[in-house]
PDB file of all heavy atoms in Angstrom:
ATOM      1  N   ILE A   1       0.844  -1.204   0.000  1.00  0.00           N
ATOM      2  CA  ILE A   1       0.000   0.000   0.000  1.00  0.00           C
ATOM      3  C   ILE A   1       0.878   1.253   0.000  1.00  0.00           C
ATOM      4  O   ILE A   1       0.655   2.200  -0.768  1.00  0.00           O
ATOM      5  CB  ILE A   1      -0.929   0.019   1.233  1.00  0.00           C
ATOM      6  CG1 ILE A   1      -2.015  -1.047   1.116  1.00  0.00           C
ATOM      7  CG2 ILE A   1      -1.571   1.401   1.402  1.00  0.00           C
ATOM      8  CD1 ILE A   1      -3.083  -0.750   0.095  1.00  0.00           C
ATOM      9  N   MET A   2       1.882   1.268   0.875  1.00  0.00           N
ATOM     10  CA  MET A   2       2.754   2.433   0.967  1.00  0.00           C
ATOM     11  C   MET A   2       3.500   2.680  -0.343  1.00  0.00           C
ATOM     12  O   MET A   2       3.679   3.824  -0.756  1.00  0.00           O
ATOM     13  CB  MET A   2       3.754   2.237   2.110  1.00  0.00           C
ATOM     14  CG  MET A   2       3.122   2.105   3.484  1.00  0.00           C
ATOM     15  SD  MET A   2       2.139   3.561   3.958  1.00  0.00           S
ATOM     16  CE  MET A   2       3.415   4.800   4.110  1.00  0.00           C
ATOM     17  N   LEU A   3       3.920   1.614  -0.990  1.00  0.00           N
ATOM     18  CA  LEU A   3       4.616   1.758  -2.266  1.00  0.00           C
ATOM     19  C   LEU A   3       3.682   2.275  -3.351  1.00  0.00           C
ATOM     20  O   LEU A   3       4.071   3.095  -4.193  1.00  0.00           O
ATOM     21  CB  LEU A   3       5.219   0.416  -2.677  1.00  0.00           C
ATOM     22  CG  LEU A   3       6.459  -0.004  -1.868  1.00  0.00           C
ATOM     23  CD1 LEU A   3       6.781  -1.476  -2.103  1.00  0.00           C
ATOM     24  CD2 LEU A   3       7.652   0.868  -2.250  1.00  0.00           C
ATOM     25  N   ALA A   4       2.442   1.813  -3.344  1.00  0.00           N
ATOM     26  CA  ALA A   4       1.467   2.291  -4.327  1.00  0.00           C
ATOM     27  C   ALA A   4       1.134   3.764  -4.112  1.00  0.00           C
ATOM     28  O   ALA A   4       0.758   4.468  -5.059  1.00  0.00           O
ATOM     29  CB  ALA A   4       0.197   1.451  -4.255  1.00  0.00           C
ATOM     30  N   LEU A   5       1.276   4.241  -2.874  1.00  0.00           N
ATOM     31  CA  LEU A   5       0.923   5.617  -2.538  1.00  0.00           C
ATOM     32  C   LEU A   5       1.978   6.639  -2.943  1.00  0.00           C
ATOM     33  O   LEU A   5       1.754   7.837  -2.793  1.00  0.00           O
ATOM     34  CB  LEU A   5       0.682   5.733  -1.025  1.00  0.00           C
ATOM     35  CG  LEU A   5      -0.661   5.247  -0.504  1.00  0.00           C
ATOM     36  CD1 LEU A   5      -0.656   5.201   1.016  1.00  0.00           C
ATOM     37  CD2 LEU A   5      -1.780   6.138  -1.000  1.00  0.00           C
ATOM     38  N   SER A   6       3.108   6.189  -3.437  1.00  0.00           N
ATOM     39  CA  SER A   6       4.170   7.124  -3.813  1.00  0.00           C
ATOM     40  C   SER A   6       3.641   8.165  -4.795  1.00  0.00           C
ATOM     41  O   SER A   6       3.033   7.830  -5.818  1.00  0.00           O
ATOM     42  CB  SER A   6       5.339   6.367  -4.447  1.00  0.00           C
ATOM     43  OG  SER A   6       6.281   7.279  -4.976  1.00  0.00           O
ATOM     44  N   SER A   7       3.887   9.424  -4.494  1.00  0.00           N
ATOM     45  CA  SER A   7       3.398  10.496  -5.369  1.00  0.00           C
ATOM     46  C   SER A   7       4.162  10.559  -6.685  1.00  0.00           C
ATOM     47  O   SER A   7       3.755  11.264  -7.610  1.00  0.00           O
ATOM     48  CB  SER A   7       3.509  11.842  -4.649  1.00  0.00           C
ATOM     49  OG  SER A   7       4.874  12.125  -4.326  1.00  0.00           O
ATOM     50  N   ASP A   8       5.282   9.832  -6.762  1.00  0.00           N
ATOM     51  CA  ASP A   8       6.053   9.832  -8.006  1.00  0.00           C
ATOM     52  C   ASP A   8       5.258   9.247  -9.156  1.00  0.00           C
ATOM     53  O   ASP A   8       5.334   9.720 -10.294  1.00  0.00           O
ATOM     54  CB  ASP A   8       7.331   9.010  -7.841  1.00  0.00           C
ATOM     55  CG  ASP A   8       8.347   9.711  -6.965  1.00  0.00           C
ATOM     56  OD1 ASP A   8       8.257  10.943  -6.837  1.00  0.00           O
ATOM     57  OD2 ASP A   8       9.218   9.035  -6.403  1.00  0.00           O
ATOM     58  N   TRP A   9       4.492   8.183  -8.897  1.00  0.00           N
ATOM     59  CA  TRP A   9       3.815   7.485  -9.988  1.00  0.00           C
ATOM     60  C   TRP A   9       2.786   8.372 -10.700  1.00  0.00           C
ATOM     61  O   TRP A   9       2.822   8.473 -11.936  1.00  0.00           O
ATOM     62  CB  TRP A   9       3.169   6.188  -9.478  1.00  0.00           C
ATOM     63  CG  TRP A   9       4.039   5.340  -8.595  1.00  0.00           C
ATOM     64  CD1 TRP A   9       3.661   4.652  -7.474  1.00  0.00           C
ATOM     65  CD2 TRP A   9       5.443   5.059  -8.745  1.00  0.00           C
ATOM     66  NE1 TRP A   9       4.728   3.978  -6.919  1.00  0.00           N
ATOM     67  CE2 TRP A   9       5.836   4.219  -7.672  1.00  0.00           C
ATOM     68  CE3 TRP A   9       6.413   5.461  -9.667  1.00  0.00           C
ATOM     69  CZ2 TRP A   9       7.142   3.756  -7.518  1.00  0.00           C
ATOM     70  CZ3 TRP A   9       7.722   5.012  -9.506  1.00  0.00           C
ATOM     71  CH2 TRP A   9       8.065   4.169  -8.452  1.00  0.00           C
ATOM     72  N   PRO A  10       1.863   9.033  -9.993  1.00  0.00           N
ATOM     73  CA  PRO A  10       0.930   9.927 -10.705  1.00  0.00           C
ATOM     74  C   PRO A  10       1.643  11.057 -11.439  1.00  0.00           C
ATOM     75  O   PRO A  10       1.246  11.430 -12.549  1.00  0.00           O
ATOM     76  CB  PRO A  10       0.027  10.468  -9.584  1.00  0.00           C
ATOM     77  CG  PRO A  10       0.111   9.446  -8.503  1.00  0.00           C
ATOM     78  CD  PRO A  10       1.507   8.921  -8.557  1.00  0.00           C
ATOM     79  N   ARG A  11       2.709  11.590 -10.833  1.00  0.00           N
ATOM     80  CA  ARG A  11       3.426  12.685 -11.481  1.00  0.00           C
ATOM     81  C   ARG A  11       4.064  12.219 -12.790  1.00  0.00           C
ATOM     82  O   ARG A  11       4.036  12.936 -13.788  1.00  0.00           O
ATOM     83  CB  ARG A  11       4.500  13.249 -10.538  1.00  0.00           C
ATOM     84  CG  ARG A  11       3.965  14.295  -9.579  1.00  0.00           C
ATOM     85  CD  ARG A  11       5.068  15.217  -9.115  1.00  0.00           C
ATOM     86  NE  ARG A  11       6.016  14.529  -8.263  1.00  0.00           N
ATOM     87  CZ  ARG A  11       6.005  14.574  -6.942  1.00  0.00           C
ATOM     88  NH1 ARG A  11       5.073  15.266  -6.320  1.00  0.00           N
ATOM     89  NH2 ARG A  11       6.908  13.948  -6.226  1.00  0.00           N
ATOM     90  N   LEU A  12       4.660  11.020 -12.758  1.00  0.00           N
ATOM     91  CA  LEU A  12       5.305  10.511 -13.967  1.00  0.00           C
ATOM     92  C   LEU A  12       4.297  10.188 -15.066  1.00  0.00           C
ATOM     93  O   LEU A  12       4.622  10.237 -16.256  1.00  0.00           O
ATOM     94  CB  LEU A  12       6.118   9.255 -13.639  1.00  0.00           C
ATOM     95  CG  LEU A  12       7.383   9.481 -12.802  1.00  0.00           C
ATOM     96  CD1 LEU A  12       8.025   8.161 -12.443  1.00  0.00           C
ATOM     97  CD2 LEU A  12       8.376  10.366 -13.551  1.00  0.00           C
ATOM     98  N   MET A  13       3.077   9.846 -14.657  1.00  0.00           N
ATOM     99  CA  MET A  13       2.039   9.537 -15.638  1.00  0.00           C
ATOM    100  C   MET A  13       1.311  10.780 -16.137  1.00  0.00           C
ATOM    101  O   MET A  13       0.521  10.704 -17.080  1.00  0.00           O
ATOM    102  CB  MET A  13       1.015   8.568 -15.042  1.00  0.00           C
ATOM    103  CG  MET A  13       1.540   7.161 -14.888  1.00  0.00           C
ATOM    104  SD  MET A  13       0.241   6.000 -14.447  1.00  0.00           S
ATOM    105  CE  MET A  13      -0.182   6.553 -12.808  1.00  0.00           C
ATOM    106  N   SER A  14       1.538  11.913 -15.518  1.00  0.00           N
ATOM    107  CA  SER A  14       0.821  13.128 -15.900  1.00  0.00           C
ATOM    108  C   SER A  14       1.226  13.574 -17.299  1.00  0.00           C
ATOM    109  O   SER A  14       2.275  13.201 -17.827  1.00  0.00           O
ATOM    110  CB  SER A  14       1.100  14.253 -14.902  1.00  0.00           C
ATOM    111  OG  SER A  14       2.442  14.692 -15.026  1.00  0.00           O
ATOM    112  N   GLU A  15       0.391  14.386 -17.894  1.00  0.00           N
ATOM    113  CA  GLU A  15       0.626  14.863 -19.260  1.00  0.00           C
ATOM    114  C   GLU A  15       1.941  15.627 -19.363  1.00  0.00           C
ATOM    115  O   GLU A  15       2.671  15.521 -20.348  1.00  0.00           O
ATOM    116  CB  GLU A  15      -0.537  15.761 -19.692  1.00  0.00           C
ATOM    117  CG  GLU A  15      -0.390  16.343 -21.099  1.00  0.00           C
ATOM    118  CD  GLU A  15      -0.349  15.265 -22.177  1.00  0.00           C
ATOM    119  OE1 GLU A  15      -0.997  14.212 -21.986  1.00  0.00           O
ATOM    120  OE2 GLU A  15       0.337  15.472 -23.194  1.00  0.00           O
ATOM    121  N   ILE A  16       2.294  16.374 -18.334  1.00  0.00           N
ATOM    122  CA  ILE A  16       3.484  17.216 -18.359  1.00  0.00           C
ATOM    123  C   ILE A  16       4.742  16.373 -18.476  1.00  0.00           C
ATOM    124  O   ILE A  16       5.633  16.651 -19.268  1.00  0.00           O
ATOM    125  CB  ILE A  16       3.542  18.090 -17.094  1.00  0.00           C
ATOM    126  CG1 ILE A  16       2.361  19.058 -17.101  1.00  0.00           C
ATOM    127  CG2 ILE A  16       4.851  18.862 -17.022  1.00  0.00           C
ATOM    128  CD1 ILE A  16       2.157  19.787 -15.795  1.00  0.00           C
ATOM    129  N   HIS A  17       4.816  15.283 -17.674  1.00  0.00           N
ATOM    130  CA  HIS A  17       6.015  14.446 -17.687  1.00  0.00           C
ATOM    131  C   HIS A  17       6.014  13.453 -18.848  1.00  0.00           C
ATOM    132  O   HIS A  17       7.030  13.270 -19.503  1.00  0.00           O
ATOM    133  CB  HIS A  17       6.140  13.678 -16.369  1.00  0.00           C
ATOM    134  CG  HIS A  17       6.619  14.529 -15.241  1.00  0.00           C
ATOM    135  ND1 HIS A  17       7.890  15.047 -15.195  1.00  0.00           N
ATOM    136  CD2 HIS A  17       6.002  14.959 -14.120  1.00  0.00           C
ATOM    137  CE1 HIS A  17       8.038  15.766 -14.088  1.00  0.00           C
ATOM    138  NE2 HIS A  17       6.910  15.727 -13.422  1.00  0.00           N
ATOM    139  N   SER A  18       4.894  12.807 -19.075  1.00  0.00           N
ATOM    140  CA  SER A  18       4.863  11.732 -20.068  1.00  0.00           C
ATOM    141  C   SER A  18       5.109  12.245 -21.482  1.00  0.00           C
ATOM    142  O   SER A  18       5.553  11.498 -22.347  1.00  0.00           O
ATOM    143  CB  SER A  18       3.533  10.980 -20.007  1.00  0.00           C
ATOM    144  OG  SER A  18       2.459  11.853 -20.306  1.00  0.00           O
ATOM    145  N   SER A  19       4.818  13.515 -21.730  1.00  0.00           N
ATOM    146  CA  SER A  19       5.039  14.055 -23.070  1.00  0.00           C
ATOM    147  C   SER A  19       6.525  14.172 -23.375  1.00  0.00           C
ATOM    148  O   SER A  19       6.930  14.115 -24.536  1.00  0.00           O
ATOM    149  CB  SER A  19       4.374  15.435 -23.202  1.00  0.00           C
ATOM    150  OG  SER A  19       4.926  16.337 -22.259  1.00  0.00           O
ATOM    151  N   SER A  20       7.362  14.330 -22.333  1.00  0.00           N
ATOM    152  CA  SER A  20       8.793  14.473 -22.553  1.00  0.00           C
ATOM    153  C   SER A  20       9.517  13.127 -22.569  1.00  0.00           C
ATOM    154  O   SER A  20      10.498  12.957 -23.266  1.00  0.00           O
ATOM    155  CB  SER A  20       9.407  15.379 -21.479  1.00  0.00           C
ATOM    156  OG  SER A  20       9.183  14.823 -20.190  1.00  0.00           O
ATOM    157  N   LEU A  21       9.030  12.146 -21.835  1.00  0.00           N
ATOM    158  CA  LEU A  21       9.655  10.833 -21.796  1.00  0.00           C
ATOM    159  C   LEU A  21       8.589   9.775 -21.544  1.00  0.00           C
ATOM    160  O   LEU A  21       8.305   9.416 -20.401  1.00  0.00           O
ATOM    161  CB  LEU A  21      10.730  10.784 -20.696  1.00  0.00           C
ATOM    162  CG  LEU A  21      11.667   9.575 -20.696  1.00  0.00           C
ATOM    163  CD1 LEU A  21      12.351   9.439 -22.049  1.00  0.00           C
ATOM    164  CD2 LEU A  21      12.714   9.703 -19.602  1.00  0.00           C
ATOM    165  N   PRO A  22       7.946   9.272 -22.611  1.00  0.00           N
ATOM    166  CA  PRO A  22       6.828   8.325 -22.467  1.00  0.00           C
ATOM    167  C   PRO A  22       7.162   7.084 -21.657  1.00  0.00           C
ATOM    168  O   PRO A  22       6.268   6.479 -21.067  1.00  0.00           O
ATOM    169  CB  PRO A  22       6.502   7.977 -23.924  1.00  0.00           C
ATOM    170  CG  PRO A  22       6.967   9.159 -24.712  1.00  0.00           C
ATOM    171  CD  PRO A  22       8.194   9.641 -24.011  1.00  0.00           C
ATOM    172  N   ARG A  23       8.437   6.677 -21.637  1.00  0.00           N
ATOM    173  CA  ARG A  23       8.810   5.483 -20.891  1.00  0.00           C
ATOM    174  C   ARG A  23       8.503   5.632 -19.399  1.00  0.00           C
ATOM    175  O   ARG A  23       8.230   4.662 -18.714  1.00  0.00           O
ATOM    176  CB  ARG A  23      10.292   5.167 -21.090  1.00  0.00           C
ATOM    177  CG  ARG A  23      10.632   4.620 -22.469  1.00  0.00           C
ATOM    178  CD  ARG A  23      12.095   4.259 -22.547  1.00  0.00           C
ATOM    179  NE  ARG A  23      12.435   3.643 -23.827  1.00  0.00           N
ATOM    180  CZ  ARG A  23      13.656   3.203 -24.117  1.00  0.00           C
ATOM    181  NH1 ARG A  23      14.625   3.308 -23.219  1.00  0.00           N
ATOM    182  NH2 ARG A  23      13.896   2.652 -25.283  1.00  0.00           N
ATOM    183  N   TRP A  24       8.604   6.845 -18.922  1.00  0.00           N
ATOM    184  CA  TRP A  24       8.304   7.074 -17.506  1.00  0.00           C
ATOM    185  C   TRP A  24       6.859   6.707 -17.205  1.00  0.00           C
ATOM    186  O   TRP A  24       6.554   6.150 -16.159  1.00  0.00           O
ATOM    187  CB  TRP A  24       8.553   8.537 -17.161  1.00  0.00           C
ATOM    188  CG  TRP A  24       9.996   8.915 -17.071  1.00  0.00           C
ATOM    189  CD1 TRP A  24      11.066   8.134 -17.419  1.00  0.00           C
ATOM    190  CD2 TRP A  24      10.521  10.149 -16.610  1.00  0.00           C
ATOM    191  NE1 TRP A  24      12.231   8.818 -17.209  1.00  0.00           N
ATOM    192  CE2 TRP A  24      11.931  10.063 -16.706  1.00  0.00           C
ATOM    193  CE3 TRP A  24       9.950  11.318 -16.141  1.00  0.00           C
ATOM    194  CZ2 TRP A  24      12.772  11.103 -16.336  1.00  0.00           C
ATOM    195  CZ3 TRP A  24      10.783  12.361 -15.769  1.00  0.00           C
ATOM    196  CH2 TRP A  24      12.174  12.257 -15.860  1.00  0.00           C
ATOM    197  N   LYS A  25       5.988   7.066 -18.117  1.00  0.00           N
ATOM    198  CA  LYS A  25       4.561   6.807 -17.922  1.00  0.00           C
ATOM    199  C   LYS A  25       4.292   5.308 -17.808  1.00  0.00           C
ATOM    200  O   LYS A  25       3.575   4.854 -16.911  1.00  0.00           O
ATOM    201  CB  LYS A  25       3.761   7.399 -19.088  1.00  0.00           C
ATOM    202  CG  LYS A  25       2.260   7.199 -18.973  1.00  0.00           C
ATOM    203  CD  LYS A  25       1.532   7.865 -20.126  1.00  0.00           C
ATOM    204  CE  LYS A  25       0.028   7.652 -20.010  1.00  0.00           C
ATOM    205  NZ  LYS A  25      -0.706   8.323 -21.104  1.00  0.00           N
ATOM    206  N   SER A  26       4.870   4.521 -18.713  1.00  0.00           N
ATOM    207  CA  SER A  26       4.642   3.078 -18.682  1.00  0.00           C
ATOM    208  C   SER A  26       5.263   2.437 -17.447  1.00  0.00           C
ATOM    209  O   SER A  26       4.686   1.515 -16.861  1.00  0.00           O
ATOM    210  CB  SER A  26       5.200   2.426 -19.950  1.00  0.00           C
ATOM    211  OG  SER A  26       6.593   2.638 -20.056  1.00  0.00           O
ATOM    212  N   TYR A  27       6.423   2.935 -17.031  1.00  0.00           N
ATOM    213  CA  TYR A  27       7.070   2.395 -15.828  1.00  0.00           C
ATOM    214  C   TYR A  27       6.228   2.687 -14.588  1.00  0.00           C
ATOM    215  O   TYR A  27       5.991   1.809 -13.752  1.00  0.00           O
ATOM    216  CB  TYR A  27       8.464   2.998 -15.662  1.00  0.00           C
ATOM    217  CG  TYR A  27       9.163   2.558 -14.391  1.00  0.00           C
ATOM    218  CD1 TYR A  27       9.772   1.303 -14.314  1.00  0.00           C
ATOM    219  CD2 TYR A  27       9.204   3.390 -13.276  1.00  0.00           C
ATOM    220  CE1 TYR A  27      10.410   0.890 -13.154  1.00  0.00           C
ATOM    221  CE2 TYR A  27       9.835   2.986 -12.120  1.00  0.00           C
ATOM    222  CZ  TYR A  27      10.439   1.745 -12.063  1.00  0.00           C
ATOM    223  OH  TYR A  27      11.053   1.342 -10.908  1.00  0.00           O
ATOM    224  N   ALA A  28       5.756   3.939 -14.465  1.00  0.00           N
ATOM    225  CA  ALA A  28       4.960   4.334 -13.307  1.00  0.00           C
ATOM    226  C   ALA A  28       3.657   3.545 -13.243  1.00  0.00           C
ATOM    227  O   ALA A  28       3.229   3.100 -12.165  1.00  0.00           O
ATOM    228  CB  ALA A  28       4.669   5.830 -13.355  1.00  0.00           C
ATOM    229  N   ARG A  29       3.021   3.367 -14.392  1.00  0.00           N
ATOM    230  CA  ARG A  29       1.771   2.598 -14.426  1.00  0.00           C
ATOM    231  C   ARG A  29       2.015   1.157 -13.977  1.00  0.00           C
ATOM    232  O   ARG A  29       1.227   0.601 -13.207  1.00  0.00           O
ATOM    233  CB  ARG A  29       1.189   2.619 -15.839  1.00  0.00           C
ATOM    234  CG  ARG A  29      -0.159   1.903 -15.934  1.00  0.00           C
ATOM    235  CD  ARG A  29      -0.681   1.837 -17.363  1.00  0.00           C
ATOM    236  NE  ARG A  29      -2.005   1.220 -17.382  1.00  0.00           N
ATOM    237  CZ  ARG A  29      -3.144   1.889 -17.416  1.00  0.00           C
ATOM    238  NH1 ARG A  29      -3.142   3.211 -17.458  1.00  0.00           N
ATOM    239  NH2 ARG A  29      -4.302   1.250 -17.412  1.00  0.00           N
ATOM    240  N   LYS A  30       3.109   0.567 -14.451  1.00  0.00           N
ATOM    241  CA  LYS A  30       3.431  -0.807 -14.074  1.00  0.00           C
ATOM    242  C   LYS A  30       3.676  -0.925 -12.569  1.00  0.00           C
ATOM    243  O   LYS A  30       3.231  -1.884 -11.927  1.00  0.00           O
ATOM    244  CB  LYS A  30       4.674  -1.282 -14.832  1.00  0.00           C
ATOM    245  CG  LYS A  30       5.075  -2.730 -14.530  1.00  0.00           C
ATOM    246  CD  LYS A  30       6.284  -3.139 -15.342  1.00  0.00           C
ATOM    247  CE  LYS A  30       6.618  -4.616 -15.087  1.00  0.00           C
ATOM    248  NZ  LYS A  30       6.939  -4.890 -13.670  1.00  0.00           N
ATOM    249  N   ARG A  31       4.346   0.067 -11.986  1.00  0.00           N
ATOM    250  CA  ARG A  31       4.629   0.013 -10.548  1.00  0.00           C
ATOM    251  C   ARG A  31       3.332   0.040  -9.739  1.00  0.00           C
ATOM    252  O   ARG A  31       3.150  -0.742  -8.806  1.00  0.00           O
ATOM    253  CB  ARG A  31       5.533   1.185 -10.142  1.00  0.00           C
ATOM    254  CG  ARG A  31       6.975   1.043 -10.602  1.00  0.00           C
ATOM    255  CD  ARG A  31       7.666  -0.165  -9.989  1.00  0.00           C
ATOM    256  NE  ARG A  31       7.661  -0.096  -8.544  1.00  0.00           N
ATOM    257  CZ  ARG A  31       8.631   0.483  -7.823  1.00  0.00           C
ATOM    258  NH1 ARG A  31       9.662   1.040  -8.429  1.00  0.00           N
ATOM    259  NH2 ARG A  31       8.569   0.490  -6.509  1.00  0.00           N
ATOM    260  N   ILE A  32       2.417   0.939 -10.075  1.00  0.00           N
ATOM    261  CA  ILE A  32       1.148   1.013  -9.345  1.00  0.00           C
ATOM    262  C   ILE A  32       0.359  -0.281  -9.517  1.00  0.00           C
ATOM    263  O   ILE A  32      -0.159  -0.840  -8.536  1.00  0.00           O
ATOM    264  CB  ILE A  32       0.314   2.216  -9.813  1.00  0.00           C
ATOM    265  CG1 ILE A  32       0.931   3.516  -9.315  1.00  0.00           C
ATOM    266  CG2 ILE A  32      -1.123   2.104  -9.310  1.00  0.00           C
ATOM    267  CD1 ILE A  32       0.163   4.756  -9.676  1.00  0.00           C
ATOM    268  N   GLU A  33       0.260  -0.751 -10.745  1.00  0.00           N
ATOM    269  CA  GLU A  33      -0.491  -1.981 -10.997  1.00  0.00           C
ATOM    270  C   GLU A  33       0.112  -3.163 -10.245  1.00  0.00           C
ATOM    271  O   GLU A  33      -0.614  -4.004  -9.693  1.00  0.00           O
ATOM    272  CB  GLU A  33      -0.534  -2.267 -12.500  1.00  0.00           C
ATOM    273  CG  GLU A  33      -1.407  -1.292 -13.274  1.00  0.00           C
ATOM    274  CD  GLU A  33      -1.370  -1.547 -14.765  1.00  0.00           C
ATOM    275  OE1 GLU A  33      -0.440  -2.263 -15.229  1.00  0.00           O
ATOM    276  OE2 GLU A  33      -2.264  -1.045 -15.474  1.00  0.00           O
ATOM    277  N   ASP A  34       1.446  -3.243 -10.210  1.00  0.00           N
ATOM    278  CA  ASP A  34       2.115  -4.344  -9.503  1.00  0.00           C
ATOM    279  C   ASP A  34       1.814  -4.311  -8.012  1.00  0.00           C
ATOM    280  O   ASP A  34       1.484  -5.341  -7.407  1.00  0.00           O
ATOM    281  CB  ASP A  34       3.631  -4.271  -9.714  1.00  0.00           C
ATOM    282  CG  ASP A  34       4.053  -4.740 -11.097  1.00  0.00           C
ATOM    283  OD1 ASP A  34       3.195  -5.296 -11.816  1.00  0.00           O
ATOM    284  OD2 ASP A  34       5.226  -4.541 -11.458  1.00  0.00           O
ATOM    285  N   HIS A  35       1.912  -3.136  -7.400  1.00  0.00           N
ATOM    286  CA  HIS A  35       1.708  -3.037  -5.951  1.00  0.00           C
ATOM    287  C   HIS A  35       0.248  -3.290  -5.575  1.00  0.00           C
ATOM    288  O   HIS A  35      -0.031  -3.952  -4.567  1.00  0.00           O
ATOM    289  CB  HIS A  35       2.177  -1.679  -5.442  1.00  0.00           C
ATOM    290  CG  HIS A  35       3.656  -1.469  -5.596  1.00  0.00           C
ATOM    291  ND1 HIS A  35       4.586  -2.382  -5.148  1.00  0.00           N
ATOM    292  CD2 HIS A  35       4.364  -0.447  -6.155  1.00  0.00           C
ATOM    293  CE1 HIS A  35       5.799  -1.941  -5.425  1.00  0.00           C
ATOM    294  NE2 HIS A  35       5.688  -0.768  -6.031  1.00  0.00           N
ATOM    295  N   ILE A  36      -0.678  -2.782  -6.373  1.00  0.00           N
ATOM    296  CA  ILE A  36      -2.097  -3.038  -6.104  1.00  0.00           C
ATOM    297  C   ILE A  36      -2.405  -4.521  -6.296  1.00  0.00           C
ATOM    298  O   ILE A  36      -3.157  -5.125  -5.510  1.00  0.00           O
ATOM    299  CB  ILE A  36      -2.995  -2.180  -7.010  1.00  0.00           C
ATOM    300  CG1 ILE A  36      -2.811  -0.686  -6.689  1.00  0.00           C
ATOM    301  CG2 ILE A  36      -4.459  -2.576  -6.853  1.00  0.00           C
ATOM    302  CD1 ILE A  36      -3.196  -0.296  -5.275  1.00  0.00           C
ATOM    303  N   ARG A  37      -1.823  -5.115  -7.323  1.00  0.00           N
ATOM    304  CA  ARG A  37      -2.038  -6.550  -7.573  1.00  0.00           C
ATOM    305  C   ARG A  37      -1.449  -7.386  -6.427  1.00  0.00           C
ATOM    306  O   ARG A  37      -2.071  -8.353  -5.968  1.00  0.00           O
ATOM    307  CB  ARG A  37      -1.404  -6.954  -8.893  1.00  0.00           C
ATOM    308  CG  ARG A  37      -1.685  -8.415  -9.294  1.00  0.00           C
ATOM    309  CD  ARG A  37      -1.009  -8.786 -10.595  1.00  0.00           C
ATOM    310  NE  ARG A  37      -1.442  -7.940 -11.695  1.00  0.00           N
ATOM    311  CZ  ARG A  37      -0.676  -7.007 -12.279  1.00  0.00           C
ATOM    312  NH1 ARG A  37       0.564  -6.811 -11.841  1.00  0.00           N
ATOM    313  NH2 ARG A  37      -1.136  -6.287 -13.268  1.00  0.00           N
ATOM    314  N   ASN A  38      -0.260  -7.028  -5.987  1.00  0.00           N
ATOM    315  CA  ASN A  38       0.364  -7.755  -4.872  1.00  0.00           C
ATOM    316  C   ASN A  38      -0.500  -7.673  -3.616  1.00  0.00           C
ATOM    317  O   ASN A  38      -0.709  -8.670  -2.920  1.00  0.00           O
ATOM    318  CB  ASN A  38       1.750  -7.184  -4.581  1.00  0.00           C
ATOM    319  CG  ASN A  38       2.741  -7.442  -5.692  1.00  0.00           C
ATOM    320  OD1 ASN A  38       2.545  -8.350  -6.507  1.00  0.00           O
ATOM    321  ND2 ASN A  38       3.798  -6.659  -5.739  1.00  0.00           N
ATOM    322  N   PHE A  39      -0.991  -6.449  -3.332  1.00  0.00           N
ATOM    323  CA  PHE A  39      -1.843  -6.279  -2.156  1.00  0.00           C
ATOM    324  C   PHE A  39      -3.111  -7.113  -2.280  1.00  0.00           C
ATOM    325  O   PHE A  39      -3.521  -7.788  -1.327  1.00  0.00           O
ATOM    326  CB  PHE A  39      -2.221  -4.809  -1.959  1.00  0.00           C
ATOM    327  CG  PHE A  39      -3.317  -4.638  -0.962  1.00  0.00           C
ATOM    328  CD1 PHE A  39      -3.056  -4.691   0.401  1.00  0.00           C
ATOM    329  CD2 PHE A  39      -4.644  -4.487  -1.369  1.00  0.00           C
ATOM    330  CE1 PHE A  39      -4.072  -4.583   1.337  1.00  0.00           C
ATOM    331  CE2 PHE A  39      -5.666  -4.371  -0.439  1.00  0.00           C
ATOM    332  CZ  PHE A  39      -5.381  -4.421   0.918  1.00  0.00           C
ATOM    333  N   THR A  40      -3.743  -7.055  -3.442  1.00  0.00           N
ATOM    334  CA  THR A  40      -5.002  -7.779  -3.639  1.00  0.00           C
ATOM    335  C   THR A  40      -4.808  -9.282  -3.483  1.00  0.00           C
ATOM    336  O   THR A  40      -5.659  -9.973  -2.907  1.00  0.00           O
ATOM    337  CB  THR A  40      -5.590  -7.464  -5.030  1.00  0.00           C
ATOM    338  OG1 THR A  40      -5.769  -6.040  -5.144  1.00  0.00           O
ATOM    339  CG2 THR A  40      -6.926  -8.153  -5.227  1.00  0.00           C
ATOM    340  N   THR A  41      -3.681  -9.791  -3.970  1.00  0.00           N
ATOM    341  CA  THR A  41      -3.389 -11.221  -3.834  1.00  0.00           C
ATOM    342  C   THR A  41      -3.274 -11.608  -2.362  1.00  0.00           C
ATOM    343  O   THR A  41      -3.812 -12.635  -1.924  1.00  0.00           O
ATOM    344  CB  THR A  41      -2.086 -11.572  -4.574  1.00  0.00           C
ATOM    345  OG1 THR A  41      -2.221 -11.248  -5.960  1.00  0.00           O
ATOM    346  CG2 THR A  41      -1.762 -13.058  -4.427  1.00  0.00           C
ATOM    347  N   ILE A  42      -2.591 -10.766  -1.575  1.00  0.00           N
ATOM    348  CA  ILE A  42      -2.453 -11.044  -0.132  1.00  0.00           C
ATOM    349  C   ILE A  42      -3.812 -10.944   0.551  1.00  0.00           C
ATOM    350  O   ILE A  42      -4.165 -11.780   1.394  1.00  0.00           O
ATOM    351  CB  ILE A  42      -1.448 -10.068   0.510  1.00  0.00           C
ATOM    352  CG1 ILE A  42      -0.051 -10.282  -0.068  1.00  0.00           C
ATOM    353  CG2 ILE A  42      -1.426 -10.236   2.029  1.00  0.00           C
ATOM    354  CD1 ILE A  42       0.971  -9.279   0.396  1.00  0.00           C
ATOM    355  N   TYR A  43      -4.577  -9.927   0.188  1.00  0.00           N
ATOM    356  CA  TYR A  43      -5.911  -9.727   0.774  1.00  0.00           C
ATOM    357  C   TYR A  43      -6.795 -10.954   0.544  1.00  0.00           C
ATOM    358  O   TYR A  43      -7.442 -11.455   1.474  1.00  0.00           O
ATOM    359  CB  TYR A  43      -6.550  -8.490   0.160  1.00  0.00           C
ATOM    360  CG  TYR A  43      -7.985  -8.260   0.570  1.00  0.00           C
ATOM    361  CD1 TYR A  43      -8.294  -7.654   1.784  1.00  0.00           C
ATOM    362  CD2 TYR A  43      -9.027  -8.637  -0.277  1.00  0.00           C
ATOM    363  CE1 TYR A  43      -9.624  -7.436   2.155  1.00  0.00           C
ATOM    364  CE2 TYR A  43     -10.347  -8.422   0.088  1.00  0.00           C
ATOM    365  CZ  TYR A  43     -10.643  -7.819   1.303  1.00  0.00           C
ATOM    366  OH  TYR A  43     -11.952  -7.616   1.663  1.00  0.00           O
ATOM    367  N   GLU A  44      -6.810 -11.444  -0.670  1.00  0.00           N
ATOM    368  CA  GLU A  44      -7.643 -12.606  -0.993  1.00  0.00           C
ATOM    369  C   GLU A  44      -7.101 -13.880  -0.336  1.00  0.00           C
ATOM    370  O   GLU A  44      -7.878 -14.763   0.063  1.00  0.00           O
ATOM    371  CB  GLU A  44      -7.724 -12.772  -2.509  1.00  0.00           C
ATOM    372  CG  GLU A  44      -8.493 -11.633  -3.184  1.00  0.00           C
ATOM    373  CD  GLU A  44      -8.497 -11.742  -4.697  1.00  0.00           C
ATOM    374  OE1 GLU A  44      -7.706 -12.564  -5.229  1.00  0.00           O
ATOM    375  OE2 GLU A  44      -9.270 -11.008  -5.351  1.00  0.00           O
TER     376      GLU A  44
END
């Protein structure tokens, strides 16, 4: 949960950042999805 809450991920996915380096957007999205998926697996 704490890792998913990092403010870096939304910032990297924002229009301002992703327009300059699209790879950041895909990396940030993967990090959030991974942490939420990991949490959900433990929860279930």
